[in-house]
C-alpha atoms as a PDB file:
ATOM      1  CA  MET A   1     -28.187 192.271  -9.601  1.00  0.00           C
ATOM      2  CA  SER A   2     -27.706 192.864 -14.031  1.00  0.00           C
ATOM      3  CA  GLU A   3     -29.341 191.805 -16.672  1.00  0.00           C
ATOM      4  CA  ASN A   4     -27.549 189.193 -17.718  1.00  0.00           C
ATOM      5  CA  GLU A   5     -27.103 187.629 -14.536  1.00  0.00           C
ATOM      6  CA  VAL A   6     -28.351 184.492 -12.756  1.00  0.00           C
ATOM      7  CA  LYS A   7     -29.405 184.405  -9.042  1.00  0.00           C
ATOM      8  CA  ILE A   8     -29.620 181.261  -7.258  1.00  0.00           C
ATOM      9  CA  THR A   9     -31.091 181.227  -3.637  1.00  0.00           C
ATOM     10  CA  VAL A  10     -31.409 177.925  -1.829  1.00  0.00           C
ATOM     11  CA  ARG A  11     -34.658 178.663   0.539  1.00  0.00           C
ATOM     12  CA  PRO A  12     -34.549 177.635   3.910  1.00  0.00           C
ATOM     13  CA  ASN A  13     -36.243 174.195   4.154  1.00  0.00           C
ATOM     14  CA  GLY A  14     -37.512 174.637   0.156  1.00  0.00           C
ATOM     15  CA  PRO A  15     -36.570 175.275  -3.518  1.00  0.00           C
ATOM     16  CA  TYR A  16     -33.954 176.230  -5.592  1.00  0.00           C
ATOM     17  CA  ARG A  17     -34.976 179.743  -6.241  1.00  0.00           C
ATOM     18  CA  VAL A  18     -34.183 180.759  -9.289  1.00  0.00           C
ATOM     19  CA  GLU A  19     -33.854 184.256 -10.951  1.00  0.00           C
ATOM     20  CA  GLY A  20     -32.130 185.399 -13.877  1.00  0.00           C
ATOM     21  CA  PRO A  21     -32.084 184.208 -17.987  1.00  0.00           C
ATOM     22  CA  VAL A  22     -32.188 180.794 -17.791  1.00  0.00           C
ATOM     23  CA  LYS A  23     -32.128 178.051 -20.133  1.00  0.00           C
ATOM     24  CA  LEU A  24     -33.564 174.326 -18.489  1.00  0.00           C
ATOM     25  CA  LEU A  25     -32.826 171.147 -19.958  1.00  0.00           C
ATOM     26  CA  ASP A  26     -33.433 167.730 -19.418  1.00  0.00           C
ATOM     27  CA  ALA A  27     -31.249 164.781 -19.922  1.00  0.00           C
ATOM     28  CA  ASN A  28     -32.299 164.527 -23.538  1.00  0.00           C
ATOM     29  CA  GLY A  29     -31.899 167.937 -24.521  1.00  0.00           C
ATOM     30  CA  GLY A  30     -34.605 168.781 -24.646  1.00  0.00           C
ATOM     31  CA  GLU A  31     -35.738 172.598 -23.539  1.00  0.00           C
ATOM     32  CA  TRP A  32     -38.897 173.256 -20.935  1.00  0.00           C
ATOM     33  CA  ASP A  33     -40.708 176.816 -22.760  1.00  0.00           C
ATOM     34  CA  LEU A  34     -39.798 179.260 -19.445  1.00  0.00           C
ATOM     35  CA  THR A  35     -40.910 182.403 -21.463  1.00  0.00           C
ATOM     36  CA  GLY A  36     -42.632 185.016 -19.713  1.00  0.00           C
ATOM     37  CA  LYS A  37     -41.592 183.659 -16.542  1.00  0.00           C
ATOM     38  CA  PRO A  38     -38.159 185.865 -14.996  1.00  0.00           C
ATOM     39  CA  ALA A  39     -38.092 183.589 -11.749  1.00  0.00           C
ATOM     40  CA  ILE A  40     -38.362 179.519 -11.439  1.00  0.00           C
ATOM     41  CA  SER A  41     -38.353 177.182  -8.199  1.00  0.00           C
ATOM     42  CA  LEU A  42     -36.730 174.400  -8.815  1.00  0.00           C
ATOM     43  CA  CYS A  43     -37.477 170.993  -6.163  1.00  0.00           C
ATOM     44  CA  ARG A  44     -34.751 169.604  -4.238  1.00  0.00           C
ATOM     45  CA  CYS A  45     -37.290 167.114  -2.035  1.00  0.00           C
ATOM     46  CA  GLY A  46     -37.997 164.877  -4.545  1.00  0.00           C
ATOM     47  CA  ALA A  47     -41.356 164.624  -3.331  1.00  0.00           C
ATOM     48  CA  SER A  48     -42.321 167.475  -6.030  1.00  0.00           C
ATOM     49  CA  ALA A  49     -45.194 166.224  -8.593  1.00  0.00           C
ATOM     50  CA  ASN A  50     -44.182 168.734 -10.841  1.00  0.00           C
ATOM     51  CA  LYS A  51     -41.242 167.949 -11.622  1.00  0.00           C
ATOM     52  CA  PRO A  52     -38.560 169.517 -12.133  1.00  0.00           C
ATOM     53  CA  PHE A  53     -40.654 172.326 -10.898  1.00  0.00           C
ATOM     54  CA  CYS A  54     -41.074 172.635  -7.170  1.00  0.00           C
ATOM     55  CA  ASP A  55     -45.267 172.480  -5.873  1.00  0.00           C
ATOM     56  CA  GLY A  56     -44.571 173.460  -2.273  1.00  0.00           C
ATOM     57  CA  THR A  57     -44.992 169.318  -1.362  1.00  0.00           C
ATOM     58  CA  HIS A  58     -41.854 170.122   0.643  1.00  0.00           C
ATOM     59  CA  ASN A  59     -44.340 171.547   3.115  1.00  0.00           C
ATOM     60  CA  LYS A  60     -46.332 168.441   3.392  1.00  0.00           C
ATOM     61  CA  ILE A  61     -43.417 165.645   3.973  1.00  0.00           C
ATOM     62  CA  GLY A  62     -41.428 167.984   6.244  1.00  0.00           C
ATOM     63  CA  PHE A  63     -38.065 168.035   4.586  1.00  0.00           C
ATOM     64  CA  GLN A  64     -35.500 170.034   5.752  1.00  0.00           C
ATOM     65  CA  ALA A  65     -32.559 171.682   4.605  1.00  0.00           C
ATOM     66  CA  THR A  66     -30.773 174.540   5.918  1.00  0.00           C
ATOM     67  CA  GLU A  67     -27.810 174.835   3.825  1.00  0.00           C
ATOM     68  CA  THR A  68     -25.717 177.836   4.300  1.00  0.00           C
ATOM     69  CA  ALA A  69     -23.108 178.916   2.860  1.00  0.00           C
ATOM     70  CA  PRO A  70     -19.513 179.178   4.767  1.00  0.00           C
ATOM     71  CA  THR A  71     -18.980 182.941   6.484  1.00  0.00           C
ATOM     72  CA  ALA A  72     -15.042 183.853   6.294  1.00  0.00           C
ATOM     73  CA  GLN A  73     -12.767 182.875   8.722  1.00  0.00           C
END
């Protein structure tokens, strides 16, 4: 992974793990301070008390989602 590349990993039954230089904005254009964070995990179960970040609640509620990239045919 290059210095300017962003990598997003879909974690099985968990969050989106985002690594690399990113800017995270809310709907009003407000920016979260991600200083010193080389990676963040974004909630996709909808139950985190710390949205948009993952707080591990997906484990407690039994969230299941196992999307995988399509394979070449």
